[in-house]
Amino acid sequence: AMFVVLSALILRPVGFKYRSKRESTAWRN
């Protein structure tokens, strides 16, 4: 359960940093 939580939490910094790197709508969604 903790592994699932940490995996989900890791998506946050990656999402914050990479979301705006491309203009693609699919990428950002």
mmCIF file of all heavy atoms, coordinates in Angstrom:
data_MODEL
# 
_entry.id   MODEL 
# 
loop_
_atom_site.group_PDB 
_atom_site.id 
_atom_site.type_symbol 
_atom_site.label_atom_id 
_atom_site.label_alt_id 
_atom_site.label_comp_id 
_atom_site.label_asym_id 
_atom_site.label_entity_id 
_atom_site.label_seq_id 
_atom_site.pdbx_PDB_ins_code 
_atom_site.Cartn_x 
_atom_site.Cartn_y 
_atom_site.Cartn_z 
_atom_site.occupancy 
_atom_site.B_iso_or_equiv 
_atom_site.pdbx_formal_charge 
_atom_site.auth_seq_id 
_atom_site.auth_comp_id 
_atom_site.auth_asym_id 
_atom_site.auth_atom_id 
_atom_site.pdbx_PDB_model_num 
ATOM 1   N N   . ALA A 1 1  ? 0.836  -1.203 0.000   1.00 0.00 ? 1  ALA A N   1 
ATOM 2   C CA  . ALA A 1 1  ? 0.000  0.000  0.000   1.00 0.00 ? 1  ALA A CA  1 
ATOM 3   C C   . ALA A 1 1  ? 0.870  1.251  0.000   1.00 0.00 ? 1  ALA A C   1 
ATOM 4   O O   . ALA A 1 1  ? 0.582  2.225  -0.716  1.00 0.00 ? 1  ALA A O   1 
ATOM 5   C CB  . ALA A 1 1  ? -0.919 -0.005 1.211   1.00 0.00 ? 1  ALA A CB  1 
ATOM 6   N N   . MET A 1 2  ? 1.949  1.230  0.773   1.00 0.00 ? 2  MET A N   1 
ATOM 7   C CA  . MET A 1 2  ? 2.861  2.377  0.793   1.00 0.00 ? 2  MET A CA  1 
ATOM 8   C C   . MET A 1 2  ? 3.561  2.546  -0.547  1.00 0.00 ? 2  MET A C   1 
ATOM 9   O O   . MET A 1 2  ? 3.811  3.669  -0.993  1.00 0.00 ? 2  MET A O   1 
ATOM 10  C CB  . MET A 1 2  ? 3.893  2.203  1.910   1.00 0.00 ? 2  MET A CB  1 
ATOM 11  C CG  . MET A 1 2  ? 3.308  2.320  3.300   1.00 0.00 ? 2  MET A CG  1 
ATOM 12  S SD  . MET A 1 2  ? 4.540  2.149  4.589   1.00 0.00 ? 2  MET A SD  1 
ATOM 13  C CE  . MET A 1 2  ? 3.514  2.319  6.046   1.00 0.00 ? 2  MET A CE  1 
ATOM 14  N N   . PHE A 1 3  ? 3.863  1.426  -1.205  1.00 0.00 ? 3  PHE A N   1 
ATOM 15  C CA  . PHE A 1 3  ? 4.488  1.497  -2.531  1.00 0.00 ? 3  PHE A CA  1 
ATOM 16  C C   . PHE A 1 3  ? 3.552  2.184  -3.517  1.00 0.00 ? 3  PHE A C   1 
ATOM 17  O O   . PHE A 1 3  ? 3.978  3.010  -4.334  1.00 0.00 ? 3  PHE A O   1 
ATOM 18  C CB  . PHE A 1 3  ? 4.840  0.085  -3.011  1.00 0.00 ? 3  PHE A CB  1 
ATOM 19  C CG  . PHE A 1 3  ? 5.518  0.051  -4.349  1.00 0.00 ? 3  PHE A CG  1 
ATOM 20  C CD1 . PHE A 1 3  ? 6.879  0.264  -4.456  1.00 0.00 ? 3  PHE A CD1 1 
ATOM 21  C CD2 . PHE A 1 3  ? 4.789  -0.189 -5.502  1.00 0.00 ? 3  PHE A CD2 1 
ATOM 22  C CE1 . PHE A 1 3  ? 7.511  0.239  -5.699  1.00 0.00 ? 3  PHE A CE1 1 
ATOM 23  C CE2 . PHE A 1 3  ? 5.406  -0.215 -6.741  1.00 0.00 ? 3  PHE A CE2 1 
ATOM 24  C CZ  . PHE A 1 3  ? 6.773  0.000  -6.837  1.00 0.00 ? 3  PHE A CZ  1 
ATOM 25  N N   . VAL A 1 4  ? 2.256  1.858  -3.443  1.00 0.00 ? 4  VAL A N   1 
ATOM 26  C CA  . VAL A 1 4  ? 1.274  2.502  -4.317  1.00 0.00 ? 4  VAL A CA  1 
ATOM 27  C C   . VAL A 1 4  ? 1.206  4.000  -4.015  1.00 0.00 ? 4  VAL A C   1 
ATOM 28  O O   . VAL A 1 4  ? 1.157  4.832  -4.929  1.00 0.00 ? 4  VAL A O   1 
ATOM 29  C CB  . VAL A 1 4  ? -0.105 1.845  -4.145  1.00 0.00 ? 4  VAL A CB  1 
ATOM 30  C CG1 . VAL A 1 4  ? -1.172 2.611  -4.929  1.00 0.00 ? 4  VAL A CG1 1 
ATOM 31  C CG2 . VAL A 1 4  ? -0.069 0.393  -4.604  1.00 0.00 ? 4  VAL A CG2 1 
ATOM 32  N N   . VAL A 1 5  ? 1.191  4.354  -2.727  1.00 0.00 ? 5  VAL A N   1 
ATOM 33  C CA  . VAL A 1 5  ? 1.139  5.767  -2.339  1.00 0.00 ? 5  VAL A CA  1 
ATOM 34  C C   . VAL A 1 5  ? 2.352  6.521  -2.867  1.00 0.00 ? 5  VAL A C   1 
ATOM 35  O O   . VAL A 1 5  ? 2.240  7.604  -3.448  1.00 0.00 ? 5  VAL A O   1 
ATOM 36  C CB  . VAL A 1 5  ? 1.047  5.904  -0.810  1.00 0.00 ? 5  VAL A CB  1 
ATOM 37  C CG1 . VAL A 1 5  ? 1.278  7.356  -0.379  1.00 0.00 ? 5  VAL A CG1 1 
ATOM 38  C CG2 . VAL A 1 5  ? -0.311 5.441  -0.318  1.00 0.00 ? 5  VAL A CG2 1 
ATOM 39  N N   . LEU A 1 6  ? 3.533  5.960  -2.650  1.00 0.00 ? 6  LEU A N   1 
ATOM 40  C CA  . LEU A 1 6  ? 4.756  6.640  -3.090  1.00 0.00 ? 6  LEU A CA  1 
ATOM 41  C C   . LEU A 1 6  ? 4.796  6.753  -4.613  1.00 0.00 ? 6  LEU A C   1 
ATOM 42  O O   . LEU A 1 6  ? 5.245  7.776  -5.150  1.00 0.00 ? 6  LEU A O   1 
ATOM 43  C CB  . LEU A 1 6  ? 5.986  5.889  -2.572  1.00 0.00 ? 6  LEU A CB  1 
ATOM 44  C CG  . LEU A 1 6  ? 6.222  5.960  -1.061  1.00 0.00 ? 6  LEU A CG  1 
ATOM 45  C CD1 . LEU A 1 6  ? 7.425  5.101  -0.671  1.00 0.00 ? 6  LEU A CD1 1 
ATOM 46  C CD2 . LEU A 1 6  ? 6.452  7.399  -0.615  1.00 0.00 ? 6  LEU A CD2 1 
ATOM 47  N N   . SER A 1 7  ? 4.324  5.731  -5.305  1.00 0.00 ? 7  SER A N   1 
ATOM 48  C CA  . SER A 1 7  ? 4.286  5.799  -6.768  1.00 0.00 ? 7  SER A CA  1 
ATOM 49  C C   . SER A 1 7  ? 3.383  6.936  -7.229  1.00 0.00 ? 7  SER A C   1 
ATOM 50  O O   . SER A 1 7  ? 3.708  7.678  -8.168  1.00 0.00 ? 7  SER A O   1 
ATOM 51  C CB  . SER A 1 7  ? 3.788  4.474  -7.352  1.00 0.00 ? 7  SER A CB  1 
ATOM 52  O OG  . SER A 1 7  ? 4.674  3.413  -7.015  1.00 0.00 ? 7  SER A OG  1 
ATOM 53  N N   . ALA A 1 8  ? 2.249  7.089  -6.554  1.00 0.00 ? 8  ALA A N   1 
ATOM 54  C CA  . ALA A 1 8  ? 1.332  8.172  -6.901  1.00 0.00 ? 8  ALA A CA  1 
ATOM 55  C C   . ALA A 1 8  ? 1.930  9.532  -6.559  1.00 0.00 ? 8  ALA A C   1 
ATOM 56  O O   . ALA A 1 8  ? 1.816  10.494 -7.315  1.00 0.00 ? 8  ALA A O   1 
ATOM 57  C CB  . ALA A 1 8  ? -0.004 7.983  -6.180  1.00 0.00 ? 8  ALA A CB  1 
ATOM 58  N N   . LEU A 1 9  ? 2.584  9.616  -5.391  1.00 0.00 ? 9  LEU A N   1 
ATOM 59  C CA  . LEU A 1 9  ? 3.185  10.884 -4.981  1.00 0.00 ? 9  LEU A CA  1 
ATOM 60  C C   . LEU A 1 9  ? 4.312  11.309 -5.928  1.00 0.00 ? 9  LEU A C   1 
ATOM 61  O O   . LEU A 1 9  ? 4.526  12.505 -6.143  1.00 0.00 ? 9  LEU A O   1 
ATOM 62  C CB  . LEU A 1 9  ? 3.719  10.783 -3.549  1.00 0.00 ? 9  LEU A CB  1 
ATOM 63  C CG  . LEU A 1 9  ? 2.670  10.723 -2.437  1.00 0.00 ? 9  LEU A CG  1 
ATOM 64  C CD1 . LEU A 1 9  ? 3.347  10.522 -1.086  1.00 0.00 ? 9  LEU A CD1 1 
ATOM 65  C CD2 . LEU A 1 9  ? 1.818  11.996 -2.411  1.00 0.00 ? 9  LEU A CD2 1 
ATOM 66  N N   . ILE A 1 10 ? 5.012  10.338 -6.494  1.00 0.00 ? 10 ILE A N   1 
ATOM 67  C CA  . ILE A 1 10 ? 6.103  10.659 -7.423  1.00 0.00 ? 10 ILE A CA  1 
ATOM 68  C C   . ILE A 1 10 ? 5.563  11.346 -8.678  1.00 0.00 ? 10 ILE A C   1 
ATOM 69  O O   . ILE A 1 10 ? 6.268  12.146 -9.311  1.00 0.00 ? 10 ILE A O   1 
ATOM 70  C CB  . ILE A 1 10 ? 6.883  9.370  -7.781  1.00 0.00 ? 10 ILE A CB  1 
ATOM 71  C CG1 . ILE A 1 10 ? 7.714  8.915  -6.580  1.00 0.00 ? 10 ILE A CG1 1 
ATOM 72  C CG2 . ILE A 1 10 ? 7.789  9.592  -8.989  1.00 0.00 ? 10 ILE A CG2 1 
ATOM 73  C CD1 . ILE A 1 10 ? 8.359  7.550  -6.749  1.00 0.00 ? 10 ILE A CD1 1 
ATOM 74  N N   . LEU A 1 11 ? 4.303  11.067 -9.017  1.00 0.00 ? 11 LEU A N   1 
ATOM 75  C CA  . LEU A 1 11 ? 3.715  11.706 -10.198 1.00 0.00 ? 11 LEU A CA  1 
ATOM 76  C C   . LEU A 1 11 ? 3.582  13.214 -10.023 1.00 0.00 ? 11 LEU A C   1 
ATOM 77  O O   . LEU A 1 11 ? 3.547  13.954 -11.012 1.00 0.00 ? 11 LEU A O   1 
ATOM 78  C CB  . LEU A 1 11 ? 2.339  11.096 -10.495 1.00 0.00 ? 11 LEU A CB  1 
ATOM 79  C CG  . LEU A 1 11 ? 2.313  9.643  -10.967 1.00 0.00 ? 11 LEU A CG  1 
ATOM 80  C CD1 . LEU A 1 11 ? 0.874  9.160  -11.094 1.00 0.00 ? 11 LEU A CD1 1 
ATOM 81  C CD2 . LEU A 1 11 ? 3.040  9.504  -12.296 1.00 0.00 ? 11 LEU A CD2 1 
ATOM 82  N N   . ARG A 1 12 ? 3.510  13.676 -8.789  1.00 0.00 ? 12 ARG A N   1 
ATOM 83  C CA  . ARG A 1 12 ? 3.301  15.112 -8.575  1.00 0.00 ? 12 ARG A CA  1 
ATOM 84  C C   . ARG A 1 12 ? 4.482  15.958 -9.032  1.00 0.00 ? 12 ARG A C   1 
ATOM 85  O O   . ARG A 1 12 ? 4.306  16.871 -9.856  1.00 0.00 ? 12 ARG A O   1 
ATOM 86  C CB  . ARG A 1 12 ? 2.969  15.389 -7.106  1.00 0.00 ? 12 ARG A CB  1 
ATOM 87  C CG  . ARG A 1 12 ? 1.589  14.918 -6.705  1.00 0.00 ? 12 ARG A CG  1 
ATOM 88  C CD  . ARG A 1 12 ? 1.113  15.615 -5.465  1.00 0.00 ? 12 ARG A CD  1 
ATOM 89  N NE  . ARG A 1 12 ? 1.991  15.352 -4.337  1.00 0.00 ? 12 ARG A NE  1 
ATOM 90  C CZ  . ARG A 1 12 ? 1.845  15.943 -3.146  1.00 0.00 ? 12 ARG A CZ  1 
ATOM 91  N NH1 . ARG A 1 12 ? 0.902  16.835 -2.949  1.00 0.00 ? 12 ARG A NH1 1 
ATOM 92  N NH2 . ARG A 1 12 ? 2.655  15.639 -2.148  1.00 0.00 ? 12 ARG A NH2 1 
ATOM 93  N N   . PRO A 1 13 ? 5.695  15.714 -8.522  1.00 0.00 ? 13 PRO A N   1 
ATOM 94  C CA  . PRO A 1 13 ? 6.803  16.555 -8.984  1.00 0.00 ? 13 PRO A CA  1 
ATOM 95  C C   . PRO A 1 13 ? 7.060  16.424 -10.479 1.00 0.00 ? 13 PRO A C   1 
ATOM 96  O O   . PRO A 1 13 ? 7.381  17.413 -11.148 1.00 0.00 ? 13 PRO A O   1 
ATOM 97  C CB  . PRO A 1 13 ? 8.001  16.054 -8.165  1.00 0.00 ? 13 PRO A CB  1 
ATOM 98  C CG  . PRO A 1 13 ? 7.629  14.685 -7.716  1.00 0.00 ? 13 PRO A CG  1 
ATOM 99  C CD  . PRO A 1 13 ? 6.151  14.740 -7.508  1.00 0.00 ? 13 PRO A CD  1 
ATOM 100 N N   . VAL A 1 14 ? 6.897  15.208 -11.010 1.00 0.00 ? 14 VAL A N   1 
ATOM 101 C CA  . VAL A 1 14 ? 7.097  15.016 -12.441 1.00 0.00 ? 14 VAL A CA  1 
ATOM 102 C C   . VAL A 1 14 ? 6.043  15.796 -13.225 1.00 0.00 ? 14 VAL A C   1 
ATOM 103 O O   . VAL A 1 14 ? 6.343  16.472 -14.218 1.00 0.00 ? 14 VAL A O   1 
ATOM 104 C CB  . VAL A 1 14 ? 7.047  13.518 -12.803 1.00 0.00 ? 14 VAL A CB  1 
ATOM 105 C CG1 . VAL A 1 14 ? 7.259  13.326 -14.291 1.00 0.00 ? 14 VAL A CG1 1 
ATOM 106 C CG2 . VAL A 1 14 ? 8.100  12.744 -12.018 1.00 0.00 ? 14 VAL A CG2 1 
ATOM 107 N N   . GLY A 1 15 ? 4.794  15.716 -12.764 1.00 0.00 ? 15 GLY A N   1 
ATOM 108 C CA  . GLY A 1 15 ? 3.725  16.433 -13.435 1.00 0.00 ? 15 GLY A CA  1 
ATOM 109 C C   . GLY A 1 15 ? 3.919  17.937 -13.390 1.00 0.00 ? 15 GLY A C   1 
ATOM 110 O O   . GLY A 1 15 ? 3.736  18.636 -14.394 1.00 0.00 ? 15 GLY A O   1 
ATOM 111 N N   . PHE A 1 16 ? 4.307  18.462 -12.231 1.00 0.00 ? 16 PHE A N   1 
ATOM 112 C CA  . PHE A 1 16 ? 4.538  19.900 -12.100 1.00 0.00 ? 16 PHE A CA  1 
ATOM 113 C C   . PHE A 1 16 ? 5.654  20.374 -13.041 1.00 0.00 ? 16 PHE A C   1 
ATOM 114 O O   . PHE A 1 16 ? 5.551  21.430 -13.664 1.00 0.00 ? 16 PHE A O   1 
ATOM 115 C CB  . PHE A 1 16 ? 4.905  20.253 -10.656 1.00 0.00 ? 16 PHE A CB  1 
ATOM 116 C CG  . PHE A 1 16 ? 3.740  20.260 -9.719  1.00 0.00 ? 16 PHE A CG  1 
ATOM 117 C CD1 . PHE A 1 16 ? 3.831  19.660 -8.466  1.00 0.00 ? 16 PHE A CD1 1 
ATOM 118 C CD2 . PHE A 1 16 ? 2.544  20.863 -10.072 1.00 0.00 ? 16 PHE A CD2 1 
ATOM 119 C CE1 . PHE A 1 16 ? 2.756  19.671 -7.597  1.00 0.00 ? 16 PHE A CE1 1 
ATOM 120 C CE2 . PHE A 1 16 ? 1.457  20.878 -9.200  1.00 0.00 ? 16 PHE A CE2 1 
ATOM 121 C CZ  . PHE A 1 16 ? 1.573  20.280 -7.958  1.00 0.00 ? 16 PHE A CZ  1 
ATOM 122 N N   . LYS A 1 17 ? 6.713  19.600 -13.125 1.00 0.00 ? 17 LYS A N   1 
ATOM 123 C CA  . LYS A 1 17 ? 7.883  20.030 -13.883 1.00 0.00 ? 17 LYS A CA  1 
ATOM 124 C C   . LYS A 1 17 ? 7.726  19.851 -15.389 1.00 0.00 ? 17 LYS A C   1 
ATOM 125 O O   . LYS A 1 17 ? 8.234  20.666 -16.172 1.00 0.00 ? 17 LYS A O   1 
ATOM 126 C CB  . LYS A 1 17 ? 9.126  19.249 -13.409 1.00 0.00 ? 17 LYS A CB  1 
ATOM 127 C CG  . LYS A 1 17 ? 9.488  19.472 -11.948 1.00 0.00 ? 17 LYS A CG  1 
ATOM 128 C CD  . LYS A 1 17 ? 9.841  20.937 -11.675 1.00 0.00 ? 17 LYS A CD  1 
ATOM 129 C CE  . LYS A 1 17 ? 10.258 21.126 -10.217 1.00 0.00 ? 17 LYS A CE  1 
ATOM 130 N NZ  . LYS A 1 17 ? 10.545 22.552 -9.921  1.00 0.00 ? 17 LYS A NZ  1 
ATOM 131 N N   . TYR A 1 18 ? 7.042  18.791 -15.814 1.00 0.00 ? 18 TYR A N   1 
ATOM 132 C CA  . TYR A 1 18 ? 7.003  18.459 -17.237 1.00 0.00 ? 18 TYR A CA  1 
ATOM 133 C C   . TYR A 1 18 ? 5.744  18.928 -17.958 1.00 0.00 ? 18 TYR A C   1 
ATOM 134 O O   . TYR A 1 18 ? 5.720  18.986 -19.190 1.00 0.00 ? 18 TYR A O   1 
ATOM 135 C CB  . TYR A 1 18 ? 7.149  16.943 -17.426 1.00 0.00 ? 18 TYR A CB  1 
ATOM 136 C CG  . TYR A 1 18 ? 8.569  16.463 -17.264 1.00 0.00 ? 18 TYR A CG  1 
ATOM 137 C CD1 . TYR A 1 18 ? 9.005  15.954 -16.046 1.00 0.00 ? 18 TYR A CD1 1 
ATOM 138 C CD2 . TYR A 1 18 ? 9.470  16.527 -18.317 1.00 0.00 ? 18 TYR A CD2 1 
ATOM 139 C CE1 . TYR A 1 18 ? 10.313 15.528 -15.879 1.00 0.00 ? 18 TYR A CE1 1 
ATOM 140 C CE2 . TYR A 1 18 ? 10.771 16.104 -18.162 1.00 0.00 ? 18 TYR A CE2 1 
ATOM 141 C CZ  . TYR A 1 18 ? 11.193 15.604 -16.935 1.00 0.00 ? 18 TYR A CZ  1 
ATOM 142 O OH  . TYR A 1 18 ? 12.485 15.192 -16.767 1.00 0.00 ? 18 TYR A OH  1 
ATOM 143 N N   . ARG A 1 19 ? 4.693  19.257 -17.218 1.00 0.00 ? 19 ARG A N   1 
ATOM 144 C CA  . ARG A 1 19 ? 3.429  19.574 -17.859 1.00 0.00 ? 19 ARG A CA  1 
ATOM 145 C C   . ARG A 1 19 ? 3.553  20.685 -18.895 1.00 0.00 ? 19 ARG A C   1 
ATOM 146 O O   . ARG A 1 19 ? 2.998  20.601 -20.000 1.00 0.00 ? 19 ARG A O   1 
ATOM 147 C CB  . ARG A 1 19 ? 2.401  19.980 -16.802 1.00 0.00 ? 19 ARG A CB  1 
ATOM 148 C CG  . ARG A 1 19 ? 1.041  20.286 -17.387 1.00 0.00 ? 19 ARG A CG  1 
ATOM 149 C CD  . ARG A 1 19 ? 0.120  20.958 -16.398 1.00 0.00 ? 19 ARG A CD  1 
ATOM 150 N NE  . ARG A 1 19 ? -1.204 21.131 -16.984 1.00 0.00 ? 19 ARG A NE  1 
ATOM 151 C CZ  . ARG A 1 19 ? -1.528 22.125 -17.795 1.00 0.00 ? 19 ARG A CZ  1 
ATOM 152 N NH1 . ARG A 1 19 ? -0.600 23.037 -18.124 1.00 0.00 ? 19 ARG A NH1 1 
ATOM 153 N NH2 . ARG A 1 19 ? -2.741 22.219 -18.288 1.00 0.00 ? 19 ARG A NH2 1 
ATOM 154 N N   . SER A 1 20 ? 4.266  21.739 -18.570 1.00 0.00 ? 20 SER A N   1 
ATOM 155 C CA  . SER A 1 20 ? 4.338  22.918 -19.446 1.00 0.00 ? 20 SER A CA  1 
ATOM 156 C C   . SER A 1 20 ? 5.511  22.887 -20.422 1.00 0.00 ? 20 SER A C   1 
ATOM 157 O O   . SER A 1 20 ? 5.792  23.886 -21.088 1.00 0.00 ? 20 SER A O   1 
ATOM 158 C CB  . SER A 1 20 ? 4.406  24.188 -18.597 1.00 0.00 ? 20 SER A CB  1 
ATOM 159 O OG  . SER A 1 20 ? 3.241  24.331 -17.824 1.00 0.00 ? 20 SER A OG  1 
ATOM 160 N N   . LYS A 1 21 ? 6.186  21.750 -20.516 1.00 0.00 ? 21 LYS A N   1 
ATOM 161 C CA  . LYS A 1 21 ? 7.354  21.675 -21.396 1.00 0.00 ? 21 LYS A CA  1 
ATOM 162 C C   . LYS A 1 21 ? 6.971  21.572 -22.874 1.00 0.00 ? 21 LYS A C   1 
ATOM 163 O O   . LYS A 1 21 ? 7.792  21.850 -23.740 1.00 0.00 ? 21 LYS A O   1 
ATOM 164 C CB  . LYS A 1 21 ? 8.230  20.466 -21.013 1.00 0.00 ? 21 LYS A CB  1 
ATOM 165 C CG  . LYS A 1 21 ? 8.789  20.518 -19.600 1.00 0.00 ? 21 LYS A CG  1 
ATOM 166 C CD  . LYS A 1 21 ? 9.677  21.734 -19.378 1.00 0.00 ? 21 LYS A CD  1 
ATOM 167 C CE  . LYS A 1 21 ? 10.286 21.715 -17.975 1.00 0.00 ? 21 LYS A CE  1 
ATOM 168 N NZ  . LYS A 1 21 ? 11.099 22.930 -17.729 1.00 0.00 ? 21 LYS A NZ  1 
ATOM 169 N N   . ARG A 1 22 ? 5.719  21.150 -23.145 1.00 0.00 ? 22 ARG A N   1 
ATOM 170 C CA  . ARG A 1 22 ? 5.267  21.053 -24.529 1.00 0.00 ? 22 ARG A CA  1 
ATOM 171 C C   . ARG A 1 22 ? 3.890  21.692 -24.642 1.00 0.00 ? 22 ARG A C   1 
ATOM 172 O O   . ARG A 1 22 ? 3.104  21.695 -23.693 1.00 0.00 ? 22 ARG A O   1 
ATOM 173 C CB  . ARG A 1 22 ? 5.193  19.591 -24.980 1.00 0.00 ? 22 ARG A CB  1 
ATOM 174 C CG  . ARG A 1 22 ? 6.542  18.888 -25.055 1.00 0.00 ? 22 ARG A CG  1 
ATOM 175 C CD  . ARG A 1 22 ? 6.392  17.436 -25.451 1.00 0.00 ? 22 ARG A CD  1 
ATOM 176 N NE  . ARG A 1 22 ? 5.736  17.294 -26.745 1.00 0.00 ? 22 ARG A NE  1 
ATOM 177 C CZ  . ARG A 1 22 ? 5.380  16.118 -27.276 1.00 0.00 ? 22 ARG A CZ  1 
ATOM 178 N NH1 . ARG A 1 22 ? 5.611  15.005 -26.610 1.00 0.00 ? 22 ARG A NH1 1 
ATOM 179 N NH2 . ARG A 1 22 ? 4.792  16.065 -28.455 1.00 0.00 ? 22 ARG A NH2 1 
ATOM 180 N N   . GLU A 1 23 ? 3.582  22.220 -25.829 1.00 0.00 ? 23 GLU A N   1 
ATOM 181 C CA  . GLU A 1 23 ? 2.301  22.875 -26.057 1.00 0.00 ? 23 GLU A CA  1 
ATOM 182 C C   . GLU A 1 23 ? 1.188  21.885 -26.380 1.00 0.00 ? 23 GLU A C   1 
ATOM 183 O O   . GLU A 1 23 ? 0.017  22.249 -26.411 1.00 0.00 ? 23 GLU A O   1 
ATOM 184 C CB  . GLU A 1 23 ? 2.435  23.882 -27.209 1.00 0.00 ? 23 GLU A CB  1 
ATOM 185 C CG  . GLU A 1 23 ? 3.394  25.023 -26.934 1.00 0.00 ? 23 GLU A CG  1 
ATOM 186 C CD  . GLU A 1 23 ? 2.862  25.976 -25.882 1.00 0.00 ? 23 GLU A CD  1 
ATOM 187 O OE1 . GLU A 1 23 ? 1.629  25.982 -25.651 1.00 0.00 ? 23 GLU A OE1 1 
ATOM 188 O OE2 . GLU A 1 23 ? 3.662  26.714 -25.289 1.00 0.00 ? 23 GLU A OE2 1 
ATOM 189 N N   . SER A 1 24 ? 1.545  20.634 -26.621 1.00 0.00 ? 24 SER A N   1 
ATOM 190 C CA  . SER A 1 24 ? 0.570  19.627 -27.019 1.00 0.00 ? 24 SER A CA  1 
ATOM 191 C C   . SER A 1 24 ? -0.557 19.491 -25.998 1.00 0.00 ? 24 SER A C   1 
ATOM 192 O O   . SER A 1 24 ? -0.315 19.333 -24.801 1.00 0.00 ? 24 SER A O   1 
ATOM 193 C CB  . SER A 1 24 ? 1.263  18.275 -27.208 1.00 0.00 ? 24 SER A CB  1 
ATOM 194 O OG  . SER A 1 24 ? 0.325  17.234 -27.312 1.00 0.00 ? 24 SER A OG  1 
ATOM 195 N N   . THR A 1 25 ? -1.800 19.523 -26.491 1.00 0.00 ? 25 THR A N   1 
ATOM 196 C CA  . THR A 1 25 ? -2.957 19.361 -25.609 1.00 0.00 ? 25 THR A CA  1 
ATOM 197 C C   . THR A 1 25 ? -2.983 17.975 -24.979 1.00 0.00 ? 25 THR A C   1 
ATOM 198 O O   . THR A 1 25 ? -3.266 17.823 -23.787 1.00 0.00 ? 25 THR A O   1 
ATOM 199 C CB  . THR A 1 25 ? -4.259 19.591 -26.400 1.00 0.00 ? 25 THR A CB  1 
ATOM 200 O OG1 . THR A 1 25 ? -4.257 20.917 -26.935 1.00 0.00 ? 25 THR A OG1 1 
ATOM 201 C CG2 . THR A 1 25 ? -5.473 19.409 -25.506 1.00 0.00 ? 25 THR A CG2 1 
ATOM 202 N N   . ALA A 1 26 ? -2.685 16.949 -25.773 1.00 0.00 ? 26 ALA A N   1 
ATOM 203 C CA  . ALA A 1 26 ? -2.670 15.583 -25.252 1.00 0.00 ? 26 ALA A CA  1 
ATOM 204 C C   . ALA A 1 26 ? -1.609 15.425 -24.167 1.00 0.00 ? 26 ALA A C   1 
ATOM 205 O O   . ALA A 1 26 ? -1.835 14.761 -23.145 1.00 0.00 ? 26 ALA A O   1 
ATOM 206 C CB  . ALA A 1 26 ? -2.418 14.593 -26.387 1.00 0.00 ? 26 ALA A CB  1 
ATOM 207 N N   . TRP A 1 27 ? -0.442 16.018 -24.410 1.00 0.00 ? 27 TRP A N   1 
ATOM 208 C CA  . TRP A 1 27 ? 0.647  15.970 -23.427 1.00 0.00 ? 27 TRP A CA  1 
ATOM 209 C C   . TRP A 1 27 ? 0.201  16.580 -22.099 1.00 0.00 ? 27 TRP A C   1 
ATOM 210 O O   . TRP A 1 27 ? 0.352  15.975 -21.036 1.00 0.00 ? 27 TRP A O   1 
ATOM 211 C CB  . TRP A 1 27 ? 1.858  16.708 -23.981 1.00 0.00 ? 27 TRP A CB  1 
ATOM 212 C CG  . TRP A 1 27 ? 2.992  16.946 -23.032 1.00 0.00 ? 27 TRP A CG  1 
ATOM 213 C CD1 . TRP A 1 27 ? 3.158  18.035 -22.233 1.00 0.00 ? 27 TRP A CD1 1 
ATOM 214 C CD2 . TRP A 1 27 ? 4.110  16.086 -22.783 1.00 0.00 ? 27 TRP A CD2 1 
ATOM 215 N NE1 . TRP A 1 27 ? 4.317  17.921 -21.495 1.00 0.00 ? 27 TRP A NE1 1 
ATOM 216 C CE2 . TRP A 1 27 ? 4.917  16.731 -21.821 1.00 0.00 ? 27 TRP A CE2 1 
ATOM 217 C CE3 . TRP A 1 27 ? 4.510  14.850 -23.289 1.00 0.00 ? 27 TRP A CE3 1 
ATOM 218 C CZ2 . TRP A 1 27 ? 6.101  16.177 -21.347 1.00 0.00 ? 27 TRP A CZ2 1 
ATOM 219 C CZ3 . TRP A 1 27 ? 5.691  14.288 -22.824 1.00 0.00 ? 27 TRP A CZ3 1 
ATOM 220 C CH2 . TRP A 1 27 ? 6.470  14.945 -21.869 1.00 0.00 ? 27 TRP A CH2 1 
ATOM 221 N N   . ARG A 1 28 ? -0.366 17.756 -22.154 1.00 0.00 ? 28 ARG A N   1 
ATOM 222 C CA  . ARG A 1 28 ? -0.755 18.457 -20.922 1.00 0.00 ? 28 ARG A CA  1 
ATOM 223 C C   . ARG A 1 28 ? -1.927 17.769 -20.222 1.00 0.00 ? 28 ARG A C   1 
ATOM 224 O O   . ARG A 1 28 ? -1.953 17.682 -18.994 1.00 0.00 ? 28 ARG A O   1 
ATOM 225 C CB  . ARG A 1 28 ? -1.087 19.914 -21.241 1.00 0.00 ? 28 ARG A CB  1 
ATOM 226 C CG  . ARG A 1 28 ? 0.143  20.683 -21.694 1.00 0.00 ? 28 ARG A CG  1 
ATOM 227 C CD  . ARG A 1 28 ? -0.092 22.177 -21.787 1.00 0.00 ? 28 ARG A CD  1 
ATOM 228 N NE  . ARG A 1 28 ? 1.159  22.877 -22.076 1.00 0.00 ? 28 ARG A NE  1 
ATOM 229 C CZ  . ARG A 1 28 ? 1.299  24.196 -22.078 1.00 0.00 ? 28 ARG A CZ  1 
ATOM 230 N NH1 . ARG A 1 28 ? 0.252  24.977 -21.793 1.00 0.00 ? 28 ARG A NH1 1 
ATOM 231 N NH2 . ARG A 1 28 ? 2.472  24.743 -22.337 1.00 0.00 ? 28 ARG A NH2 1 
ATOM 232 N N   . ASN A 1 29 ? -2.878 17.259 -21.001 1.00 0.00 ? 29 ASN A N   1 
ATOM 233 C CA  . ASN A 1 29 ? -3.996 16.537 -20.395 1.00 0.00 ? 29 ASN A CA  1 
ATOM 234 C C   . ASN A 1 29 ? -3.525 15.279 -19.668 1.00 0.00 ? 29 ASN A C   1 
ATOM 235 O O   . ASN A 1 29 ? -4.046 14.926 -18.604 1.00 0.00 ? 29 ASN A O   1 
ATOM 236 C CB  . ASN A 1 29 ? -5.035 16.168 -21.453 1.00 0.00 ? 29 ASN A CB  1 
ATOM 237 C CG  . ASN A 1 29 ? -5.835 17.360 -21.927 1.00 0.00 ? 29 ASN A CG  1 
ATOM 238 O OD1 . ASN A 1 29 ? -5.881 18.393 -21.256 1.00 0.00 ? 29 ASN A OD1 1 
ATOM 239 N ND2 . ASN A 1 29 ? -6.475 17.231 -23.082 1.00 0.00 ? 29 ASN A ND2 1 
# 
